[in-house]
Amino acid sequence: MRLGLLLICLLSCLGLQAREIRLASLDYPPFSSPRLQEGGTLVALSRAALERHGHSLIVDYMPWARVVLAIKRGDYDGALPLWPTDLVGLDLRPSRPLAYSEMGFFIRRDSPLLGLPLEDLKGLRVGIVRGYAYPKRLLSGVIPEEAASDISNLRKLAAKRFDLVLLEREVGLHLLHEEPLLGQQLIWQGRMHERIPLLVGLRPTRNGEEDLIEQFDDGLKQLLESGEYLRILRTSVR
């Protein structure tokens, strides 16, 4: 309690205003999930970065379509995790990258598609999530089939509803770890086809407010310099 009061007094003396920051997030383990320690790696990093400037963080988890709707309504201060293409139309300012997505495909264990290059996947049915801003070249020549979530796509892949699922590698591996029966049937296709920065998007500064994105990025920089960044990455995955 004394430490909290001291921090508030210090922030007041410096002319800074501590705030409760509310972010919308999709369930995207191991980067963000209510089922994970500290909410996942990116949530833990975001909370620690904001705390460096006296702010607290509340994260609400929801499907991606609801994240987009909530941001457009102005219900939240921002969203995570985002690809740069997700920022289009959301009027959010990007943070520095917190991590990187390794995008590729998941297949059934008995599939002949293991290790094939992207050009050999044309004409195949690929499961994607409705509303995700996938890199266009990964969908070029394939037949996309939409579902509400990544886990729904993996289940449909196991049921032979389509040939592949386009998915971030660590997310897919984590979901298969959570559902061992799926993990026995599905595997990573073996190739990373795109590496994409994962960001936090924050709304533009309003009159009289401190620049939140500058504070956030400065907090991340402090975490890197102190070694706390790597500690969080090691301890908040599962």
C-alpha atoms as a PDB file:
ATOM      1  CA  MET A   1       0.000   0.000   0.000  1.00  0.00           C
ATOM      2  CA  ARG A   2       2.760   2.440   0.919  1.00  0.00           C
ATOM      3  CA  LEU A   3       4.571   1.616  -2.319  1.00  0.00           C
ATOM      4  CA  GLY A   4       1.420   2.334  -4.321  1.00  0.00           C
ATOM      5  CA  LEU A   5       0.896   5.671  -2.573  1.00  0.00           C
ATOM      6  CA  LEU A   6       4.541   6.559  -3.116  1.00  0.00           C
ATOM      7  CA  LEU A   7       4.230   5.787  -6.839  1.00  0.00           C
ATOM      8  CA  ILE A   8       1.105   7.942  -7.154  1.00  0.00           C
ATOM      9  CA  CYS A   9       2.827  10.830  -5.371  1.00  0.00           C
ATOM     10  CA  LEU A  10       5.899  10.469  -7.572  1.00  0.00           C
ATOM     11  CA  LEU A  11       3.807  10.487 -10.743  1.00  0.00           C
ATOM     12  CA  SER A  12       1.940  13.566  -9.541  1.00  0.00           C
ATOM     13  CA  CYS A  13       5.190  15.377  -8.849  1.00  0.00           C
ATOM     14  CA  LEU A  14       6.420  14.547 -12.346  1.00  0.00           C
ATOM     15  CA  GLY A  15       3.196  15.791 -13.921  1.00  0.00           C
ATOM     16  CA  LEU A  16       2.241  12.297 -15.112  1.00  0.00           C
ATOM     17  CA  GLN A  17      -1.273  10.876 -14.887  1.00  0.00           C
ATOM     18  CA  ALA A  18      -1.649   7.214 -13.975  1.00  0.00           C
ATOM     19  CA  ARG A  19      -4.530   5.577 -15.822  1.00  0.00           C
ATOM     20  CA  GLU A  20      -6.367   2.291 -16.112  1.00  0.00           C
ATOM     21  CA  ILE A  21      -5.757   1.126 -19.690  1.00  0.00           C
ATOM     22  CA  ARG A  22      -8.334  -1.219 -21.224  1.00  0.00           C
ATOM     23  CA  LEU A  23      -7.360  -3.383 -24.193  1.00  0.00           C
ATOM     24  CA  ALA A  24      -9.403  -5.809 -26.277  1.00  0.00           C
ATOM     25  CA  SER A  25      -7.687  -9.059 -27.200  1.00  0.00           C
ATOM     26  CA  LEU A  26      -8.489 -12.200 -29.092  1.00  0.00           C
ATOM     27  CA  ASP A  27      -7.698 -15.576 -27.540  1.00  0.00           C
ATOM     28  CA  TYR A  28      -4.366 -16.197 -29.293  1.00  0.00           C
ATOM     29  CA  PRO A  29      -2.187 -18.432 -27.118  1.00  0.00           C
ATOM     30  CA  PRO A  30       0.655 -18.358 -26.258  1.00  0.00           C
ATOM     31  CA  PHE A  31       0.637 -14.618 -26.990  1.00  0.00           C
ATOM     32  CA  SER A  32      -2.681 -13.771 -25.305  1.00  0.00           C
ATOM     33  CA  SER A  33      -5.203 -15.960 -23.512  1.00  0.00           C
ATOM     34  CA  PRO A  34      -7.208 -15.863 -20.264  1.00  0.00           C
ATOM     35  CA  ARG A  35      -6.135 -19.484 -19.675  1.00  0.00           C
ATOM     36  CA  LEU A  36      -2.424 -18.641 -19.441  1.00  0.00           C
ATOM     37  CA  GLN A  37      -0.259 -17.348 -16.630  1.00  0.00           C
ATOM     38  CA  GLU A  38      -0.309 -13.524 -16.716  1.00  0.00           C
ATOM     39  CA  GLY A  39      -2.609 -13.670 -19.745  1.00  0.00           C
ATOM     40  CA  GLY A  40       0.085 -14.800 -22.189  1.00  0.00           C
ATOM     41  CA  THR A  41       3.432 -13.355 -23.229  1.00  0.00           C
ATOM     42  CA  LEU A  42       2.226 -10.198 -24.978  1.00  0.00           C
ATOM     43  CA  VAL A  43      -0.276  -9.341 -22.257  1.00  0.00           C
ATOM     44  CA  ALA A  44       2.407  -9.795 -19.592  1.00  0.00           C
ATOM     45  CA  LEU A  45       4.846  -7.614 -21.552  1.00  0.00           C
ATOM     46  CA  SER A  46       2.183  -4.959 -22.129  1.00  0.00           C
ATOM     47  CA  ARG A  47       1.223  -4.848 -18.469  1.00  0.00           C
ATOM     48  CA  ALA A  48       4.856  -4.546 -17.378  1.00  0.00           C
ATOM     49  CA  ALA A  49       5.567  -1.812 -19.958  1.00  0.00           C
ATOM     50  CA  LEU A  50       2.568   0.245 -18.843  1.00  0.00           C
ATOM     51  CA  GLU A  51       3.414  -0.227 -15.170  1.00  0.00           C
ATOM     52  CA  ARG A  52       6.776   1.432 -15.837  1.00  0.00           C
ATOM     53  CA  HIS A  53       4.766   4.631 -16.307  1.00  0.00           C
ATOM     54  CA  GLY A  54       2.329   3.991 -13.473  1.00  0.00           C
ATOM     55  CA  HIS A  55      -0.579   2.679 -15.554  1.00  0.00           C
ATOM     56  CA  SER A  56      -2.584  -0.467 -14.840  1.00  0.00           C
ATOM     57  CA  LEU A  57      -3.949  -2.806 -17.508  1.00  0.00           C
ATOM     58  CA  ILE A  58      -7.269  -4.591 -17.949  1.00  0.00           C
ATOM     59  CA  VAL A  59      -7.657  -7.006 -20.874  1.00  0.00           C
ATOM     60  CA  ASP A  60     -10.951  -8.401 -22.139  1.00  0.00           C
ATOM     61  CA  TYR A  61     -10.791 -11.442 -24.437  1.00  0.00           C
ATOM     62  CA  MET A  62     -13.194 -11.908 -27.330  1.00  0.00           C
ATOM     63  CA  PRO A  63     -13.396 -13.205 -30.922  1.00  0.00           C
ATOM     64  CA  TRP A  64     -11.604 -11.085 -33.522  1.00  0.00           C
ATOM     65  CA  ALA A  65     -14.831  -9.760 -35.074  1.00  0.00           C
ATOM     66  CA  ARG A  66     -15.869  -8.381 -31.676  1.00  0.00           C
ATOM     67  CA  VAL A  67     -12.412  -6.854 -31.143  1.00  0.00           C
ATOM     68  CA  VAL A  68     -12.808  -4.886 -34.378  1.00  0.00           C
ATOM     69  CA  LEU A  69     -16.343  -3.778 -33.482  1.00  0.00           C
ATOM     70  CA  ALA A  70     -15.349  -2.736 -29.940  1.00  0.00           C
ATOM     71  CA  ILE A  71     -12.402  -0.663 -31.192  1.00  0.00           C
ATOM     72  CA  LYS A  72     -14.521   1.070 -33.833  1.00  0.00           C
ATOM     73  CA  ARG A  73     -17.105   1.918 -31.153  1.00  0.00           C
ATOM     74  CA  GLY A  74     -14.389   3.424 -28.966  1.00  0.00           C
ATOM     75  CA  ASP A  75     -14.990   0.987 -26.098  1.00  0.00           C
ATOM     76  CA  TYR A  76     -11.257   0.342 -25.498  1.00  0.00           C
ATOM     77  CA  ASP A  77      -7.946   2.177 -25.439  1.00  0.00           C
ATOM     78  CA  GLY A  78      -6.511  -0.301 -27.920  1.00  0.00           C
ATOM     79  CA  ALA A  79      -6.097  -3.928 -28.914  1.00  0.00           C
ATOM     80  CA  LEU A  80      -3.587  -6.769 -29.057  1.00  0.00           C
ATOM     81  CA  PRO A  81      -2.019  -8.747 -30.600  1.00  0.00           C
ATOM     82  CA  LEU A  82      -2.132  -7.078 -34.008  1.00  0.00           C
ATOM     83  CA  TRP A  83      -0.387  -7.504 -37.327  1.00  0.00           C
ATOM     84  CA  PRO A  84       0.468  -4.247 -39.143  1.00  0.00           C
ATOM     85  CA  THR A  85      -2.320  -4.972 -41.650  1.00  0.00           C
ATOM     86  CA  ASP A  86      -4.859  -5.150 -38.786  1.00  0.00           C
ATOM     87  CA  LEU A  87      -4.340  -1.445 -38.069  1.00  0.00           C
ATOM     88  CA  VAL A  88      -5.994  -0.457 -41.354  1.00  0.00           C
ATOM     89  CA  GLY A  89      -9.383   1.061 -40.579  1.00  0.00           C
ATOM     90  CA  LEU A  90      -9.031   0.823 -36.782  1.00  0.00           C
ATOM     91  CA  ASP A  91      -7.478   4.282 -36.196  1.00  0.00           C
ATOM     92  CA  LEU A  92      -4.874   2.847 -33.812  1.00  0.00           C
ATOM     93  CA  ARG A  93      -1.216   3.785 -33.468  1.00  0.00           C
ATOM     94  CA  PRO A  94       1.230   0.846 -33.583  1.00  0.00           C
ATOM     95  CA  SER A  95       3.701   0.023 -30.843  1.00  0.00           C
ATOM     96  CA  ARG A  96       7.157  -1.297 -31.551  1.00  0.00           C
ATOM     97  CA  PRO A  97       7.057  -5.073 -32.240  1.00  0.00           C
ATOM     98  CA  LEU A  98       6.722  -7.215 -29.122  1.00  0.00           C
ATOM     99  CA  ALA A  99       7.318 -10.504 -30.952  1.00  0.00           C
ATOM    100  CA  TYR A 100       7.034 -12.025 -34.427  1.00  0.00           C
ATOM    101  CA  SER A 101       4.483 -14.390 -35.962  1.00  0.00           C
ATOM    102  CA  GLU A 102       5.758 -17.328 -37.997  1.00  0.00           C
ATOM    103  CA  MET A 103       2.965 -17.920 -40.490  1.00  0.00           C
ATOM    104  CA  GLY A 104       2.514 -21.211 -42.275  1.00  0.00           C
ATOM    105  CA  PHE A 105       0.204 -24.198 -42.503  1.00  0.00           C
ATOM    106  CA  PHE A 106      -0.915 -27.175 -40.452  1.00  0.00           C
ATOM    107  CA  ILE A 107      -1.778 -30.485 -42.115  1.00  0.00           C
ATOM    108  CA  ARG A 108      -2.925 -33.981 -41.179  1.00  0.00           C
ATOM    109  CA  ARG A 109      -0.130 -36.366 -40.210  1.00  0.00           C
ATOM    110  CA  ASP A 110      -0.872 -38.616 -43.178  1.00  0.00           C
ATOM    111  CA  SER A 111      -0.880 -35.713 -45.663  1.00  0.00           C
ATOM    112  CA  PRO A 112       1.510 -35.762 -48.668  1.00  0.00           C
ATOM    113  CA  LEU A 113       1.898 -31.957 -48.326  1.00  0.00           C
ATOM    114  CA  LEU A 114       4.683 -32.039 -45.725  1.00  0.00           C
ATOM    115  CA  GLY A 115       7.501 -29.664 -46.659  1.00  0.00           C
ATOM    116  CA  LEU A 116       6.050 -28.543 -49.987  1.00  0.00           C
ATOM    117  CA  PRO A 117       6.731 -24.941 -51.101  1.00  0.00           C
ATOM    118  CA  LEU A 118       3.919 -22.402 -51.353  1.00  0.00           C
ATOM    119  CA  GLU A 119       3.607 -22.673 -55.139  1.00  0.00           C
ATOM    120  CA  ASP A 120       2.760 -26.386 -54.818  1.00  0.00           C
ATOM    121  CA  LEU A 121      -0.241 -25.671 -52.574  1.00  0.00           C
ATOM    122  CA  LYS A 122      -2.319 -23.864 -55.203  1.00  0.00           C
ATOM    123  CA  GLY A 123      -5.848 -25.150 -55.692  1.00  0.00           C
ATOM    124  CA  LEU A 124      -6.067 -26.643 -52.187  1.00  0.00           C
ATOM    125  CA  ARG A 125      -8.737 -25.808 -49.598  1.00  0.00           C
ATOM    126  CA  VAL A 126      -7.307 -23.740 -46.738  1.00  0.00           C
ATOM    127  CA  GLY A 127      -8.997 -22.948 -43.429  1.00  0.00           C
ATOM    128  CA  ILE A 128      -8.750 -19.313 -42.306  1.00  0.00           C
ATOM    129  CA  VAL A 129     -10.375 -17.196 -39.581  1.00  0.00           C
ATOM    130  CA  ARG A 130     -13.076 -14.766 -40.642  1.00  0.00           C
ATOM    131  CA  GLY A 131     -11.813 -11.167 -40.512  1.00  0.00           C
ATOM    132  CA  TYR A 132      -8.073 -11.858 -40.126  1.00  0.00           C
ATOM    133  CA  ALA A 133      -5.920  -9.702 -42.439  1.00  0.00           C
ATOM    134  CA  TYR A 134      -3.725 -12.516 -43.781  1.00  0.00           C
ATOM    135  CA  PRO A 135      -0.814 -11.712 -46.119  1.00  0.00           C
ATOM    136  CA  LYS A 136      -2.291 -11.817 -49.620  1.00  0.00           C
ATOM    137  CA  ARG A 137       0.461 -13.965 -51.086  1.00  0.00           C
ATOM    138  CA  LEU A 138      -0.349 -16.796 -48.652  1.00  0.00           C
ATOM    139  CA  LEU A 139      -3.890 -16.985 -50.025  1.00  0.00           C
ATOM    140  CA  SER A 140      -2.927 -16.591 -53.675  1.00  0.00           C
ATOM    141  CA  GLY A 141      -4.131 -19.567 -55.689  1.00  0.00           C
ATOM    142  CA  VAL A 142      -5.709 -21.459 -52.774  1.00  0.00           C
ATOM    143  CA  ILE A 143      -9.401 -21.868 -51.924  1.00  0.00           C
ATOM    144  CA  PRO A 144     -10.004 -20.123 -48.556  1.00  0.00           C
ATOM    145  CA  GLU A 145     -12.732 -21.432 -46.259  1.00  0.00           C
ATOM    146  CA  GLU A 146     -13.661 -19.274 -43.265  1.00  0.00           C
ATOM    147  CA  ALA A 147     -14.390 -20.256 -39.675  1.00  0.00           C
ATOM    148  CA  ALA A 148     -14.845 -18.327 -36.435  1.00  0.00           C
ATOM    149  CA  SER A 149     -11.573 -19.349 -34.775  1.00  0.00           C
ATOM    150  CA  ASP A 150      -8.248 -21.129 -35.207  1.00  0.00           C
ATOM    151  CA  ILE A 151      -9.279 -24.063 -33.026  1.00  0.00           C
ATOM    152  CA  SER A 152     -12.437 -24.516 -35.105  1.00  0.00           C
ATOM    153  CA  ASN A 153     -10.271 -24.675 -38.225  1.00  0.00           C
ATOM    154  CA  LEU A 154      -7.975 -27.289 -36.691  1.00  0.00           C
ATOM    155  CA  ARG A 155     -10.953 -29.453 -35.761  1.00  0.00           C
ATOM    156  CA  LYS A 156     -12.305 -29.174 -39.300  1.00  0.00           C
ATOM    157  CA  LEU A 157      -8.892 -30.080 -40.696  1.00  0.00           C
ATOM    158  CA  ALA A 158      -8.837 -33.234 -38.566  1.00  0.00           C
ATOM    159  CA  ALA A 159     -12.327 -34.038 -39.893  1.00  0.00           C
ATOM    160  CA  LYS A 160     -10.995 -33.687 -43.477  1.00  0.00           C
ATOM    161  CA  ARG A 161     -13.168 -30.674 -44.268  1.00  0.00           C
ATOM    162  CA  PHE A 162     -10.191 -29.061 -46.029  1.00  0.00           C
ATOM    163  CA  ASP A 163      -6.521 -29.705 -46.823  1.00  0.00           C
ATOM    164  CA  LEU A 164      -4.595 -27.199 -44.696  1.00  0.00           C
ATOM    165  CA  VAL A 165      -5.041 -24.531 -42.023  1.00  0.00           C
ATOM    166  CA  LEU A 166      -3.224 -21.212 -42.336  1.00  0.00           C
ATOM    167  CA  LEU A 167      -2.019 -20.422 -38.833  1.00  0.00           C
ATOM    168  CA  GLU A 168       0.734 -18.916 -36.721  1.00  0.00           C
ATOM    169  CA  ARG A 169       3.162 -21.687 -35.770  1.00  0.00           C
ATOM    170  CA  GLU A 170       3.322 -21.150 -31.997  1.00  0.00           C
ATOM    171  CA  VAL A 171      -0.436 -20.609 -31.769  1.00  0.00           C
ATOM    172  CA  GLY A 172      -1.112 -23.841 -33.629  1.00  0.00           C
ATOM    173  CA  LEU A 173       1.342 -25.847 -31.549  1.00  0.00           C
ATOM    174  CA  HIS A 174      -0.145 -24.444 -28.353  1.00  0.00           C
ATOM    175  CA  LEU A 175      -3.707 -25.296 -29.402  1.00  0.00           C
ATOM    176  CA  LEU A 176      -2.640 -28.847 -30.295  1.00  0.00           C
ATOM    177  CA  HIS A 177      -0.926 -29.119 -26.899  1.00  0.00           C
ATOM    178  CA  GLU A 178      -4.218 -28.112 -25.247  1.00  0.00           C
ATOM    179  CA  GLU A 179      -6.178 -30.715 -27.251  1.00  0.00           C
ATOM    180  CA  PRO A 180      -4.000 -33.869 -27.308  1.00  0.00           C
ATOM    181  CA  LEU A 181      -6.372 -35.810 -29.580  1.00  0.00           C
ATOM    182  CA  LEU A 182      -5.936 -33.149 -32.249  1.00  0.00           C
ATOM    183  CA  GLY A 183      -2.205 -33.152 -31.572  1.00  0.00           C
ATOM    184  CA  GLN A 184      -2.098 -36.830 -32.514  1.00  0.00           C
ATOM    185  CA  GLN A 185      -3.704 -36.096 -35.897  1.00  0.00           C
ATOM    186  CA  LEU A 186      -2.196 -32.765 -37.008  1.00  0.00           C
ATOM    187  CA  ILE A 187       1.311 -31.374 -37.517  1.00  0.00           C
ATOM    188  CA  TRP A 188       3.120 -28.241 -38.720  1.00  0.00           C
ATOM    189  CA  GLN A 189       3.574 -28.413 -42.505  1.00  0.00           C
ATOM    190  CA  GLY A 190       7.276 -27.722 -42.112  1.00  0.00           C
ATOM    191  CA  ARG A 191       7.740 -24.329 -43.747  1.00  0.00           C
ATOM    192  CA  MET A 192       7.487 -20.772 -42.431  1.00  0.00           C
ATOM    193  CA  HIS A 193       6.092 -18.706 -45.304  1.00  0.00           C
ATOM    194  CA  GLU A 194       5.878 -15.273 -43.644  1.00  0.00           C
ATOM    195  CA  ARG A 195       7.333 -13.565 -40.549  1.00  0.00           C
ATOM    196  CA  ILE A 196       5.051 -10.801 -39.268  1.00  0.00           C
ATOM    197  CA  PRO A 197       5.527  -8.345 -36.359  1.00  0.00           C
ATOM    198  CA  LEU A 198       3.069  -8.618 -33.473  1.00  0.00           C
ATOM    199  CA  LEU A 199       2.076  -5.225 -32.097  1.00  0.00           C
ATOM    200  CA  VAL A 200      -0.153  -3.446 -29.631  1.00  0.00           C
ATOM    201  CA  GLY A 201      -2.386  -0.780 -31.175  1.00  0.00           C
ATOM    202  CA  LEU A 202      -3.370   2.216 -29.034  1.00  0.00           C
ATOM    203  CA  ARG A 203      -5.829   4.980 -29.843  1.00  0.00           C
ATOM    204  CA  PRO A 204      -4.482   8.441 -30.706  1.00  0.00           C
ATOM    205  CA  THR A 205      -3.757  10.819 -27.841  1.00  0.00           C
ATOM    206  CA  ARG A 206      -6.611  13.091 -26.771  1.00  0.00           C
ATOM    207  CA  ASN A 207      -6.303  16.687 -25.595  1.00  0.00           C
ATOM    208  CA  GLY A 208      -4.344  17.025 -22.373  1.00  0.00           C
ATOM    209  CA  GLU A 209      -3.252  13.377 -22.229  1.00  0.00           C
ATOM    210  CA  GLU A 210       0.261  12.038 -22.069  1.00  0.00           C
ATOM    211  CA  ASP A 211       1.351  10.269 -25.263  1.00  0.00           C
ATOM    212  CA  LEU A 212       0.440   6.690 -24.359  1.00  0.00           C
ATOM    213  CA  ILE A 213       2.194   4.997 -27.276  1.00  0.00           C
ATOM    214  CA  GLU A 214       5.458   6.794 -26.445  1.00  0.00           C
ATOM    215  CA  GLN A 215       5.144   5.708 -22.820  1.00  0.00           C
ATOM    216  CA  PHE A 216       4.378   2.144 -23.884  1.00  0.00           C
ATOM    217  CA  ASP A 217       7.390   1.927 -26.190  1.00  0.00           C
ATOM    218  CA  ASP A 218       9.606   3.503 -23.545  1.00  0.00           C
ATOM    219  CA  GLY A 219       8.363   0.911 -21.053  1.00  0.00           C
ATOM    220  CA  LEU A 220       9.282  -1.878 -23.470  1.00  0.00           C
ATOM    221  CA  LYS A 221      12.732  -0.352 -23.898  1.00  0.00           C
ATOM    222  CA  GLN A 222      13.222  -0.306 -20.129  1.00  0.00           C
ATOM    223  CA  LEU A 223      12.159  -3.959 -19.912  1.00  0.00           C
ATOM    224  CA  LEU A 224      14.717  -4.905 -22.555  1.00  0.00           C
ATOM    225  CA  GLU A 225      17.520  -2.997 -20.855  1.00  0.00           C
ATOM    226  CA  SER A 226      16.763  -4.507 -17.442  1.00  0.00           C
ATOM    227  CA  GLY A 227      16.471  -8.109 -18.678  1.00  0.00           C
ATOM    228  CA  GLU A 228      12.849  -8.265 -17.514  1.00  0.00           C
ATOM    229  CA  TYR A 229      11.662  -8.669 -21.113  1.00  0.00           C
ATOM    230  CA  LEU A 230      13.376 -12.047 -21.526  1.00  0.00           C
ATOM    231  CA  ARG A 231      12.271 -13.192 -18.070  1.00  0.00           C
ATOM    232  CA  ILE A 232       8.633 -12.539 -18.980  1.00  0.00           C
ATOM    233  CA  LEU A 233       9.007 -14.406 -22.280  1.00  0.00           C
ATOM    234  CA  ARG A 234      10.418 -17.426 -20.434  1.00  0.00           C
ATOM    235  CA  THR A 235       7.850 -17.567 -17.631  1.00  0.00           C
ATOM    236  CA  SER A 236       4.480 -16.600 -19.115  1.00  0.00           C
ATOM    237  CA  VAL A 237       4.081 -19.092 -21.976  1.00  0.00           C
ATOM    238  CA  ARG A 238       2.278 -21.904 -20.130  1.00  0.00           C
END
